[in-house]
Amino acid sequence: MARGGGGKGSDGLFEAAAAELRRRGAPLADRMRPRTLNEFVGQEDVIGPGRILRRALDEGKLASFILWGPPGSGKTTLAHLVAKASNAHFESFSAVMSGVREARDLIEQAARRLAFEGRRNILFVDEINRFNKAQQDAFLPHVEAGTIVLIGATTENPSFEVIAPLLSRCRVFVLKQLSPDQIGAILDRALADPERGLGAEKVVLAPDARALLCSLSAGDARCALNALELAAMTAPRSPGGTRTIDVELAREALQRNTILYDQSGEEHYNLISAMHKSIRASDPDAAIYYIARMLEGGEDPLYIARRLVRAASEDIGMADPQALVIAVAAKEATEFLGVPECDTALLQAAVYLACAPKSNALYKAVGAARAEVKESGPLPVPMHFRNPVTSLMKNIGYGDGYMYDHDFPEKISPQERMPEKLRGRRFYMPGNIGFEREIQKRLKYFEEVRRRMRREAEERGETRQSD
């Protein structure tokens, strides 16, 4: 019995020693995870004093929620701290590494723990957006029954990636990208901490190197700490044993600026939208910046080119008909040149579009026309406009009375073109900017000619397909 007790104690010592070895071998970013909410840097809008999540923890009224934020903003750390503060059993689960079967096993264990120990259970699901809709359904009854408190983490917009029933049962907390000052505070703590950080290593971070790490880590604490650790490991040691990280070493450790970009995620749509709206706002510099962001993030340049073509017709249209020509030429150049040579062709089109006169008359016209189609249905085409392909069609009146516009001196006939119900209906209303001023003049001239010809026909007593 004594031996059994001693064996159990030895096992505990071995487990503690193994845990200590794992901790020492863990990356700096993992070792420096905050141990209390007071150590947590940033996200004051979510976890700061008096905020709803902090109040829920203080009052012991924790409910399921989803943390939505960019990489390195503290989602996983915050989930651990919430579990610790609420004294709940914590299980971490990755939707990338595991599936629904493993999740169900954890939920069954949570149900037994709740029943026999009365202890609450937090199930942290990292990258919850990686679960499809059917898989997310598996959490619903257990969240609703209170078997688990679900904490989901995602870098993607939960409005698109999380099913509505689950979203309605979870509060969404939006985590922001950390500021350079906040990144700096995290780096300073890592440099000073002798137990978990680099405090015992005599590492000195030059001010300009610190500024570089803070500004180019894109608000990602993990990225900044990983770069700091790599730089510290490779920095030459002075005779006094000090390792100094200069700006060049910091830049090399970062390897390249961290670009927050996901070609299938929300940032993909945010940046293309910003580019399009910059063109609409006649701001070529902003358009250039967002194109550069996308190209640097690995975006398909043809995706950018297609949006430029759309902007040319949606926001410029007939105010400058050359805009569409330029945009399509940029698309052709992009296909012909490929990456990276196509970048200037895209910028050339973007600058032209941004500086062109603007009109959304075509965009409004197609919207009005499609609304009319939905409202009035498939109205019959006037008989004189129908093509008499067969003898039968000709005999029943197809094409009867059609006026060939080239037979008239001004190449305009007085006949009606719209279905009878829509006669006089206008969809395209050109503006007063750019080439649309000329379009206005031409449309006014066309209408004056038709009106005169109809009046003359009435005076002659003619009844033709002009009314």
Protein backbone atom coordinates (compact mmCIF):
# COMPACT_ATOMS: atom_id res chain seq x y z
CA MET A 1 0.00 0.00 0.00
CA ALA A 2 2.84 2.31 0.88
CA ARG A 3 4.55 1.36 -2.32
CA GLY A 4 1.38 2.08 -4.22
CA GLY A 5 1.11 5.49 -2.62
CA GLY A 6 4.79 6.12 -3.31
CA GLY A 7 4.32 5.06 -6.92
CA LYS A 8 1.50 7.52 -7.34
CA GLY A 9 3.63 10.29 -5.88
CA SER A 10 6.49 9.43 -8.20
CA ASP A 11 4.14 9.57 -11.16
CA GLY A 12 3.08 13.03 -10.07
CA LEU A 13 6.68 14.15 -9.80
CA PHE A 14 7.47 12.75 -13.23
CA GLU A 15 4.43 14.52 -14.71
CA ALA A 16 5.44 17.80 -13.09
CA ALA A 17 9.01 17.41 -14.39
CA ALA A 18 7.72 16.63 -17.90
CA ALA A 19 5.44 19.65 -17.77
CA GLU A 20 8.38 21.83 -16.73
CA LEU A 21 10.47 20.50 -19.62
CA ARG A 22 7.64 21.20 -22.06
CA ARG A 23 7.30 24.70 -20.66
CA ARG A 24 11.00 25.42 -21.01
CA GLY A 25 11.01 24.07 -24.55
CA ALA A 26 7.88 25.96 -25.60
CA PRO A 27 8.19 28.98 -27.89
CA LEU A 28 8.54 32.36 -26.24
CA ALA A 29 5.05 33.36 -27.36
CA ASP A 30 3.59 30.38 -25.52
CA ARG A 31 5.70 30.87 -22.40
CA MET A 32 4.70 34.51 -22.15
CA ARG A 33 0.96 33.95 -22.23
CA PRO A 34 -0.60 36.10 -19.49
CA ARG A 35 -1.45 34.17 -16.33
CA THR A 36 -4.12 36.58 -15.10
CA LEU A 37 -6.55 39.04 -16.65
CA ASN A 38 -4.51 41.88 -15.17
CA GLU A 39 -1.51 40.75 -17.25
CA PHE A 40 -3.55 40.68 -20.44
CA VAL A 41 -2.56 43.48 -22.82
CA GLY A 42 -5.13 45.16 -25.05
CA GLN A 43 -8.81 44.50 -25.77
CA GLU A 44 -9.96 46.87 -23.03
CA ASP A 45 -13.28 47.25 -24.87
CA VAL A 46 -13.96 43.56 -24.23
CA ILE A 47 -12.28 42.62 -20.95
CA GLY A 48 -11.53 45.96 -19.33
CA PRO A 49 -13.05 46.96 -15.95
CA GLY A 50 -16.78 47.43 -16.22
CA ARG A 51 -17.06 45.79 -19.62
CA ILE A 52 -19.70 43.14 -20.16
CA LEU A 53 -17.38 40.12 -20.25
CA ARG A 54 -15.52 41.30 -17.17
CA ARG A 55 -18.82 41.90 -15.33
CA ALA A 56 -20.05 38.43 -16.31
CA LEU A 57 -16.89 36.89 -14.86
CA ASP A 58 -17.12 38.94 -11.69
CA GLU A 59 -20.74 37.91 -11.20
CA GLY A 60 -20.21 34.28 -12.18
CA LYS A 61 -22.72 34.50 -15.02
CA LEU A 62 -20.62 33.22 -17.88
CA ALA A 63 -22.44 32.33 -21.12
CA SER A 64 -21.26 31.04 -24.47
CA PHE A 65 -19.49 33.53 -26.72
CA ILE A 66 -17.35 33.82 -29.84
CA LEU A 67 -14.09 35.74 -30.08
CA TRP A 68 -13.58 37.24 -33.51
CA GLY A 69 -10.26 38.90 -34.22
CA PRO A 70 -7.06 38.86 -36.27
CA PRO A 71 -4.18 36.47 -35.57
CA GLY A 72 -2.20 37.20 -32.42
CA SER A 73 -4.87 39.40 -30.85
CA GLY A 74 -5.25 37.13 -27.79
CA LYS A 75 -8.25 34.89 -28.55
CA THR A 76 -6.76 31.65 -27.17
CA THR A 77 -5.15 33.37 -24.21
CA LEU A 78 -8.36 35.14 -23.30
CA ALA A 79 -10.29 31.85 -23.42
CA HIS A 80 -7.81 30.28 -20.96
CA LEU A 81 -8.00 33.27 -18.64
CA VAL A 82 -11.79 33.27 -18.68
CA ALA A 83 -11.80 29.59 -17.71
CA LYS A 84 -9.32 30.23 -14.91
CA ALA A 85 -11.25 33.22 -13.59
CA SER A 86 -14.52 31.28 -13.60
CA ASN A 87 -13.00 28.15 -12.01
CA ALA A 88 -14.50 26.05 -14.78
CA HIS A 89 -13.05 22.89 -16.28
CA PHE A 90 -11.37 23.84 -19.56
CA GLU A 91 -10.98 21.75 -22.69
CA SER A 92 -9.29 23.13 -25.79
CA PHE A 93 -10.29 21.79 -29.16
CA SER A 94 -9.12 22.71 -32.67
CA ALA A 95 -11.51 22.44 -35.58
CA VAL A 96 -8.45 22.11 -37.82
CA MET A 97 -7.02 19.06 -36.06
CA SER A 98 -10.15 17.24 -34.82
CA GLY A 99 -13.70 16.46 -35.85
CA VAL A 100 -17.20 16.11 -34.47
CA ARG A 101 -16.53 12.68 -32.94
CA GLU A 102 -13.85 14.09 -30.67
CA ALA A 103 -16.09 17.04 -29.81
CA ARG A 104 -18.90 14.68 -28.81
CA ASP A 105 -16.55 12.72 -26.55
CA LEU A 106 -15.57 15.93 -24.79
CA ILE A 107 -19.21 16.94 -24.43
CA GLU A 108 -20.09 13.53 -22.90
CA GLN A 109 -17.28 13.95 -20.39
CA ALA A 110 -18.53 17.45 -19.63
CA ALA A 111 -22.04 16.12 -19.00
CA ARG A 112 -20.72 13.54 -16.51
CA ARG A 113 -18.54 16.14 -14.81
CA LEU A 114 -21.48 18.51 -14.47
CA ALA A 115 -23.73 15.74 -13.12
CA PHE A 116 -21.34 14.21 -10.58
CA GLU A 117 -19.10 17.15 -9.63
CA GLY A 118 -21.39 20.08 -10.31
CA ARG A 119 -18.53 21.82 -12.11
CA ARG A 120 -19.09 23.97 -15.18
CA ASN A 121 -17.29 23.10 -18.40
CA ILE A 122 -15.79 25.41 -20.97
CA LEU A 123 -15.17 23.97 -24.42
CA PHE A 124 -12.86 26.20 -26.41
CA VAL A 125 -13.16 25.59 -30.15
CA ASP A 126 -10.34 27.24 -32.06
CA GLU A 127 -11.01 28.09 -35.73
CA ILE A 128 -14.69 27.26 -35.28
CA ASN A 129 -15.28 28.57 -38.79
CA ARG A 130 -13.52 25.47 -40.14
CA PHE A 131 -16.52 23.36 -39.09
CA ASN A 132 -19.19 23.15 -41.76
CA LYS A 133 -22.81 23.98 -41.00
CA ALA A 134 -23.82 20.42 -40.16
CA GLN A 135 -20.86 20.01 -37.80
CA GLN A 136 -21.69 23.25 -36.01
CA ASP A 137 -25.20 21.92 -35.45
CA ALA A 138 -23.72 19.32 -33.09
CA PHE A 139 -23.00 22.00 -30.47
CA LEU A 140 -26.50 23.51 -30.42
CA PRO A 141 -28.39 21.27 -27.96
CA HIS A 142 -25.49 21.20 -25.49
CA VAL A 143 -25.05 24.96 -25.54
CA GLU A 144 -28.78 25.44 -25.07
CA ALA A 145 -28.94 22.89 -22.25
CA GLY A 146 -25.96 24.46 -20.47
CA THR A 147 -23.89 21.28 -20.60
CA ILE A 148 -21.00 23.34 -21.96
CA VAL A 149 -20.08 26.96 -22.17
CA LEU A 150 -18.85 27.26 -25.73
CA ILE A 151 -16.06 29.71 -26.51
CA GLY A 152 -15.38 29.85 -30.23
CA ALA A 153 -12.44 31.62 -31.82
CA THR A 154 -12.24 32.71 -35.42
CA THR A 155 -10.36 35.10 -37.66
CA GLU A 156 -13.30 35.10 -40.09
CA ASN A 157 -16.50 37.10 -39.86
CA PRO A 158 -18.88 34.90 -37.82
CA SER A 159 -21.83 36.42 -39.66
CA PHE A 160 -20.73 34.40 -42.67
CA GLU A 161 -18.98 31.44 -41.05
CA VAL A 162 -21.14 30.48 -38.05
CA ILE A 163 -24.67 29.14 -38.43
CA ALA A 164 -27.42 31.51 -37.36
CA PRO A 165 -28.91 29.28 -34.59
CA LEU A 166 -25.51 28.97 -32.90
CA LEU A 167 -24.73 32.63 -33.44
CA SER A 168 -28.01 33.62 -31.78
CA ARG A 169 -27.00 31.67 -28.66
CA CYS A 170 -23.54 33.22 -28.42
CA ARG A 171 -22.39 36.74 -27.76
CA VAL A 172 -19.79 37.89 -30.28
CA PHE A 173 -16.82 39.85 -28.93
CA VAL A 174 -14.68 41.62 -31.51
CA LEU A 175 -10.97 41.71 -30.73
CA LYS A 176 -8.91 44.42 -32.36
CA GLN A 177 -5.46 44.33 -33.87
CA LEU A 178 -2.98 45.26 -31.15
CA SER A 179 -1.44 48.72 -31.41
CA PRO A 180 2.33 49.23 -31.75
CA ASP A 181 2.42 50.50 -28.15
CA GLN A 182 0.69 47.35 -26.92
CA ILE A 183 3.08 45.16 -28.90
CA GLY A 184 5.93 47.13 -27.36
CA ALA A 185 4.62 46.48 -23.85
CA ILE A 186 4.49 42.74 -24.59
CA LEU A 187 8.05 42.75 -25.97
CA ASP A 188 9.33 44.69 -22.95
CA ARG A 189 7.75 42.18 -20.60
CA ALA A 190 9.32 39.27 -22.46
CA LEU A 191 12.75 40.93 -22.33
CA ALA A 192 12.46 41.60 -18.60
CA ASP A 193 10.96 38.31 -17.38
CA PRO A 194 13.81 36.05 -16.14
CA GLU A 195 11.59 33.02 -15.58
CA ARG A 196 9.47 32.74 -18.70
CA GLY A 197 11.07 35.31 -20.98
CA LEU A 198 14.54 36.44 -21.98
CA GLY A 199 15.44 38.31 -18.79
CA ALA A 200 18.18 35.84 -17.88
CA GLU A 201 19.69 35.91 -21.38
CA LYS A 202 21.09 39.47 -21.29
CA VAL A 203 19.24 40.44 -24.48
CA VAL A 204 19.22 44.10 -25.49
CA LEU A 205 16.72 45.31 -28.08
CA ALA A 206 17.86 48.47 -29.84
CA PRO A 207 15.20 51.23 -29.94
CA ASP A 208 14.96 51.25 -33.73
CA ALA A 209 14.73 47.44 -33.77
CA ARG A 210 11.96 47.60 -31.18
CA ALA A 211 10.10 50.17 -33.27
CA LEU A 212 10.45 47.93 -36.33
CA LEU A 213 9.07 44.87 -34.54
CA CYS A 214 6.17 46.91 -33.16
CA SER A 215 5.20 48.44 -36.50
CA LEU A 216 5.74 45.50 -38.84
CA SER A 217 4.16 42.71 -36.81
CA ALA A 218 0.69 43.84 -37.97
CA GLY A 219 -0.66 43.89 -34.43
CA ASP A 220 0.14 40.18 -34.02
CA ALA A 221 1.74 39.56 -30.61
CA ARG A 222 2.70 36.01 -31.54
CA CYS A 223 4.51 37.22 -34.65
CA ALA A 224 6.40 39.88 -32.68
CA LEU A 225 7.46 37.46 -29.94
CA ASN A 226 8.53 34.79 -32.44
CA ALA A 227 10.66 37.34 -34.26
CA LEU A 228 12.14 38.56 -30.97
CA GLU A 229 13.04 35.01 -29.94
CA LEU A 230 14.63 34.19 -33.28
CA ALA A 231 16.62 37.43 -33.26
CA ALA A 232 17.79 36.78 -29.68
CA MET A 233 18.93 33.27 -30.58
CA THR A 234 20.95 34.48 -33.57
CA ALA A 235 22.34 37.74 -32.16
CA PRO A 236 26.12 37.64 -31.60
CA ARG A 237 27.17 37.62 -27.96
CA SER A 238 29.52 40.35 -26.77
CA PRO A 239 32.52 39.61 -24.49
CA GLY A 240 30.33 40.60 -21.58
CA GLY A 241 27.72 38.04 -22.59
CA THR A 242 25.16 40.53 -23.90
CA ARG A 243 23.17 39.84 -27.09
CA THR A 244 22.16 43.01 -28.92
CA ILE A 245 19.38 42.94 -31.50
CA ASP A 246 19.85 45.71 -34.04
CA VAL A 247 17.36 46.81 -36.68
CA GLU A 248 18.83 44.67 -39.45
CA LEU A 249 18.66 41.55 -37.33
CA ALA A 250 15.08 42.36 -36.34
CA ARG A 251 14.15 42.84 -39.98
CA GLU A 252 15.78 39.54 -40.91
CA ALA A 253 13.92 37.77 -38.10
CA LEU A 254 10.63 39.10 -39.37
CA GLN A 255 11.68 37.94 -42.88
CA ARG A 256 8.95 40.02 -44.46
CA ASN A 257 6.24 42.37 -43.30
CA THR A 258 3.33 40.43 -41.93
CA ILE A 259 0.44 41.00 -44.27
CA LEU A 260 -2.94 40.33 -42.68
CA TYR A 261 -4.73 38.87 -45.66
CA ASP A 262 -6.81 35.83 -46.41
CA GLN A 263 -7.77 35.29 -50.03
CA SER A 264 -11.02 33.62 -49.02
CA GLY A 265 -11.80 35.55 -45.85
CA GLU A 266 -13.23 38.86 -44.78
CA GLU A 267 -10.07 40.88 -45.38
CA HIS A 268 -10.20 39.76 -49.00
CA TYR A 269 -13.56 41.51 -49.37
CA ASN A 270 -12.62 44.47 -47.16
CA LEU A 271 -9.65 45.42 -49.33
CA ILE A 272 -11.31 44.97 -52.72
CA SER A 273 -14.25 47.03 -51.43
CA ALA A 274 -11.88 49.74 -50.20
CA MET A 275 -10.14 49.84 -53.58
CA HIS A 276 -13.44 50.17 -55.46
CA LYS A 277 -14.72 52.87 -53.12
CA SER A 278 -11.45 54.78 -53.41
CA ILE A 279 -11.90 54.85 -57.19
CA ARG A 280 -15.49 56.01 -56.74
CA ALA A 281 -14.21 58.75 -54.40
CA SER A 282 -11.65 59.90 -57.02
CA ASP A 283 -8.70 59.06 -54.75
CA PRO A 284 -5.96 57.40 -56.84
CA ASP A 285 -3.50 57.17 -53.94
CA ALA A 286 -5.89 55.16 -51.77
CA ALA A 287 -6.70 52.90 -54.73
CA ILE A 288 -2.98 52.30 -55.32
CA TYR A 289 -2.45 51.50 -51.64
CA TYR A 290 -5.20 48.88 -51.49
CA ILE A 291 -4.04 47.26 -54.72
CA ALA A 292 -0.53 47.06 -53.27
CA ARG A 293 -1.95 45.49 -50.09
CA MET A 294 -3.72 42.84 -52.09
CA LEU A 295 -0.79 42.07 -54.37
CA GLU A 296 1.59 41.86 -51.43
CA GLY A 297 -0.85 39.47 -49.73
CA GLY A 298 -0.81 37.15 -52.75
CA GLU A 299 -4.16 38.09 -54.27
CA ASP A 300 -4.92 36.88 -57.79
CA PRO A 301 -4.33 40.01 -59.94
CA LEU A 302 -7.17 38.99 -62.27
CA TYR A 303 -9.56 39.35 -59.34
CA ILE A 304 -8.41 42.95 -58.99
CA ALA A 305 -8.68 43.48 -62.76
CA ARG A 306 -12.25 42.19 -62.82
CA ARG A 307 -13.26 44.67 -60.12
CA LEU A 308 -11.63 47.49 -62.09
CA VAL A 309 -13.76 46.53 -65.10
CA ARG A 310 -16.83 46.60 -62.89
CA ALA A 311 -15.92 50.01 -61.45
CA ALA A 312 -15.45 51.38 -64.97
CA SER A 313 -19.08 50.73 -65.87
CA GLU A 314 -20.70 51.06 -62.44
CA ASP A 315 -19.15 54.33 -61.29
CA ILE A 316 -18.01 56.01 -64.52
CA GLY A 317 -20.05 54.58 -67.35
CA MET A 318 -20.84 56.99 -70.16
CA ALA A 319 -19.30 59.93 -68.31
CA ASP A 320 -16.06 58.59 -69.82
CA PRO A 321 -16.62 55.63 -72.18
CA GLN A 322 -12.85 55.21 -72.48
CA ALA A 323 -12.73 54.04 -68.85
CA LEU A 324 -14.09 50.60 -69.74
CA VAL A 325 -11.61 50.31 -72.59
CA ILE A 326 -8.73 51.09 -70.25
CA ALA A 327 -9.99 48.64 -67.61
CA VAL A 328 -10.42 45.80 -70.10
CA ALA A 329 -6.97 46.56 -71.52
CA ALA A 330 -5.54 46.25 -68.00
CA LYS A 331 -7.27 42.91 -67.62
CA GLU A 332 -5.77 41.72 -70.93
CA ALA A 333 -2.34 43.00 -69.91
CA THR A 334 -2.63 41.19 -66.59
CA GLU A 335 -3.38 37.91 -68.35
CA PHE A 336 -0.56 38.48 -70.83
CA LEU A 337 2.14 39.58 -68.38
CA GLY A 338 1.25 37.71 -65.21
CA VAL A 339 2.80 38.36 -61.79
CA PRO A 340 4.65 40.57 -60.95
CA GLU A 341 4.89 42.55 -64.19
CA CYS A 342 1.14 43.19 -64.36
CA ASP A 343 1.17 45.47 -61.31
CA THR A 344 1.73 48.71 -63.24
CA ALA A 345 -1.05 47.87 -65.72
CA LEU A 346 -3.46 47.49 -62.81
CA LEU A 347 -2.30 50.77 -61.28
CA GLN A 348 -2.57 52.56 -64.63
CA ALA A 349 -6.20 51.53 -64.91
CA ALA A 350 -6.93 52.36 -61.27
CA VAL A 351 -5.45 55.86 -61.59
CA TYR A 352 -7.36 56.51 -64.83
CA LEU A 353 -10.63 55.37 -63.27
CA ALA A 354 -10.08 57.37 -60.09
CA CYS A 355 -9.40 60.54 -62.09
CA ALA A 356 -12.25 60.04 -64.58
CA PRO A 357 -15.58 61.89 -64.32
CA LYS A 358 -18.10 59.83 -62.39
CA SER A 359 -21.62 58.68 -63.16
CA ASN A 360 -23.72 55.85 -61.78
CA ALA A 361 -26.48 56.40 -64.35
CA LEU A 362 -25.90 52.99 -65.96
CA TYR A 363 -25.90 51.27 -62.55
CA LYS A 364 -29.19 52.94 -61.66
CA ALA A 365 -30.63 52.19 -65.10
CA VAL A 366 -30.04 48.46 -64.89
CA GLY A 367 -31.45 48.41 -61.35
CA ALA A 368 -34.60 50.24 -62.46
CA ALA A 369 -35.01 48.04 -65.53
CA ARG A 370 -34.63 44.80 -63.57
CA ALA A 371 -37.10 46.05 -60.97
CA GLU A 372 -39.55 46.82 -63.78
CA VAL A 373 -39.12 43.34 -65.25
CA LYS A 374 -39.91 41.78 -61.86
CA GLU A 375 -42.90 44.07 -61.44
CA SER A 376 -44.48 43.87 -64.88
CA GLY A 377 -43.33 40.41 -65.95
CA PRO A 378 -42.51 39.31 -69.53
CA LEU A 379 -44.39 41.94 -71.49
CA PRO A 380 -44.85 41.07 -75.19
CA VAL A 381 -42.44 42.62 -77.67
CA PRO A 382 -44.29 44.90 -80.14
CA MET A 383 -45.25 42.96 -83.28
CA HIS A 384 -43.39 45.33 -85.60
CA PHE A 385 -40.16 44.61 -83.65
CA ARG A 386 -40.46 40.85 -83.94
CA ASN A 387 -38.35 39.03 -86.47
CA PRO A 388 -40.45 37.10 -89.07
CA VAL A 389 -38.17 34.09 -89.37
CA THR A 390 -40.81 31.79 -90.91
CA SER A 391 -43.72 32.32 -93.28
CA LEU A 392 -46.17 31.54 -90.51
CA MET A 393 -44.67 34.24 -88.33
CA LYS A 394 -44.88 36.74 -91.18
CA ASN A 395 -48.49 35.82 -91.91
CA ILE A 396 -49.58 36.46 -88.33
CA GLY A 397 -48.02 39.90 -88.27
CA TYR A 398 -44.43 39.51 -87.12
CA GLY A 399 -42.47 42.51 -88.39
CA ASP A 400 -45.55 44.11 -89.90
CA GLY A 401 -45.13 47.87 -90.16
CA TYR A 402 -41.49 47.89 -89.05
CA MET A 403 -39.75 51.14 -89.98
CA TYR A 404 -36.13 50.72 -91.04
CA ASP A 405 -34.38 53.66 -89.39
CA HIS A 406 -31.81 54.02 -92.18
CA ASP A 407 -34.64 54.83 -94.60
CA PHE A 408 -35.21 58.13 -92.82
CA PRO A 409 -33.13 61.28 -93.50
CA GLU A 410 -31.92 61.59 -89.92
CA LYS A 411 -31.63 57.80 -89.42
CA ILE A 412 -34.38 57.91 -86.84
CA SER A 413 -37.90 56.50 -87.22
CA PRO A 414 -40.89 57.65 -85.15
CA GLN A 415 -41.97 54.15 -84.18
CA GLU A 416 -42.31 52.92 -80.58
CA ARG A 417 -39.76 50.47 -79.26
CA MET A 418 -41.05 49.59 -75.79
CA PRO A 419 -43.87 47.16 -74.98
CA GLU A 420 -47.16 49.05 -74.96
CA LYS A 421 -47.42 49.12 -71.18
CA LEU A 422 -44.01 50.81 -70.86
CA ARG A 423 -44.29 53.44 -73.57
CA GLY A 424 -42.52 56.60 -72.48
CA ARG A 425 -40.70 54.81 -69.62
CA ARG A 426 -37.08 55.92 -69.13
CA PHE A 427 -34.39 53.99 -67.30
CA TYR A 428 -31.17 55.72 -68.33
CA MET A 429 -30.89 59.26 -66.99
CA PRO A 430 -27.46 60.67 -67.97
CA GLY A 431 -25.82 63.16 -65.66
CA ASN A 432 -24.21 66.53 -66.37
CA ILE A 433 -20.57 65.44 -66.05
CA GLY A 434 -18.14 64.33 -68.73
CA PHE A 435 -19.36 62.73 -71.92
CA GLU A 436 -22.85 62.30 -70.47
CA ARG A 437 -23.44 65.98 -71.20
CA GLU A 438 -23.14 65.05 -74.88
CA ILE A 439 -25.38 62.01 -74.32
CA GLN A 440 -28.04 64.32 -72.90
CA LYS A 441 -27.91 66.49 -76.01
CA ARG A 442 -28.19 63.48 -78.30
CA LEU A 443 -31.13 61.95 -76.44
CA LYS A 444 -32.92 65.28 -76.48
CA TYR A 445 -32.28 65.59 -80.21
CA PHE A 446 -33.55 62.04 -80.89
CA GLU A 447 -36.76 62.72 -78.98
CA GLU A 448 -37.34 66.04 -80.76
CA VAL A 449 -36.95 64.34 -84.15
CA ARG A 450 -39.39 61.53 -83.24
CA ARG A 451 -41.91 64.00 -81.81
CA ARG A 452 -41.75 66.11 -84.99
CA MET A 453 -42.11 63.09 -87.25
CA ARG A 454 -45.10 61.81 -85.30
CA ARG A 455 -46.74 65.24 -85.43
CA GLU A 456 -46.17 65.44 -89.20
CA ALA A 457 -47.58 61.94 -89.64
CA GLU A 458 -50.70 62.91 -87.67
CA GLU A 459 -51.13 66.01 -89.83
CA ARG A 460 -51.02 63.80 -92.93
CA GLY A 461 -53.51 61.45 -91.35
CA GLU A 462 -51.11 58.54 -91.44
CA THR A 463 -51.51 55.65 -89.00
CA ARG A 464 -48.28 53.77 -88.71
CA GLN A 465 -46.44 51.93 -85.94
CA SER A 466 -45.40 55.21 -84.40
CA ASP A 467 -47.88 55.45 -81.56
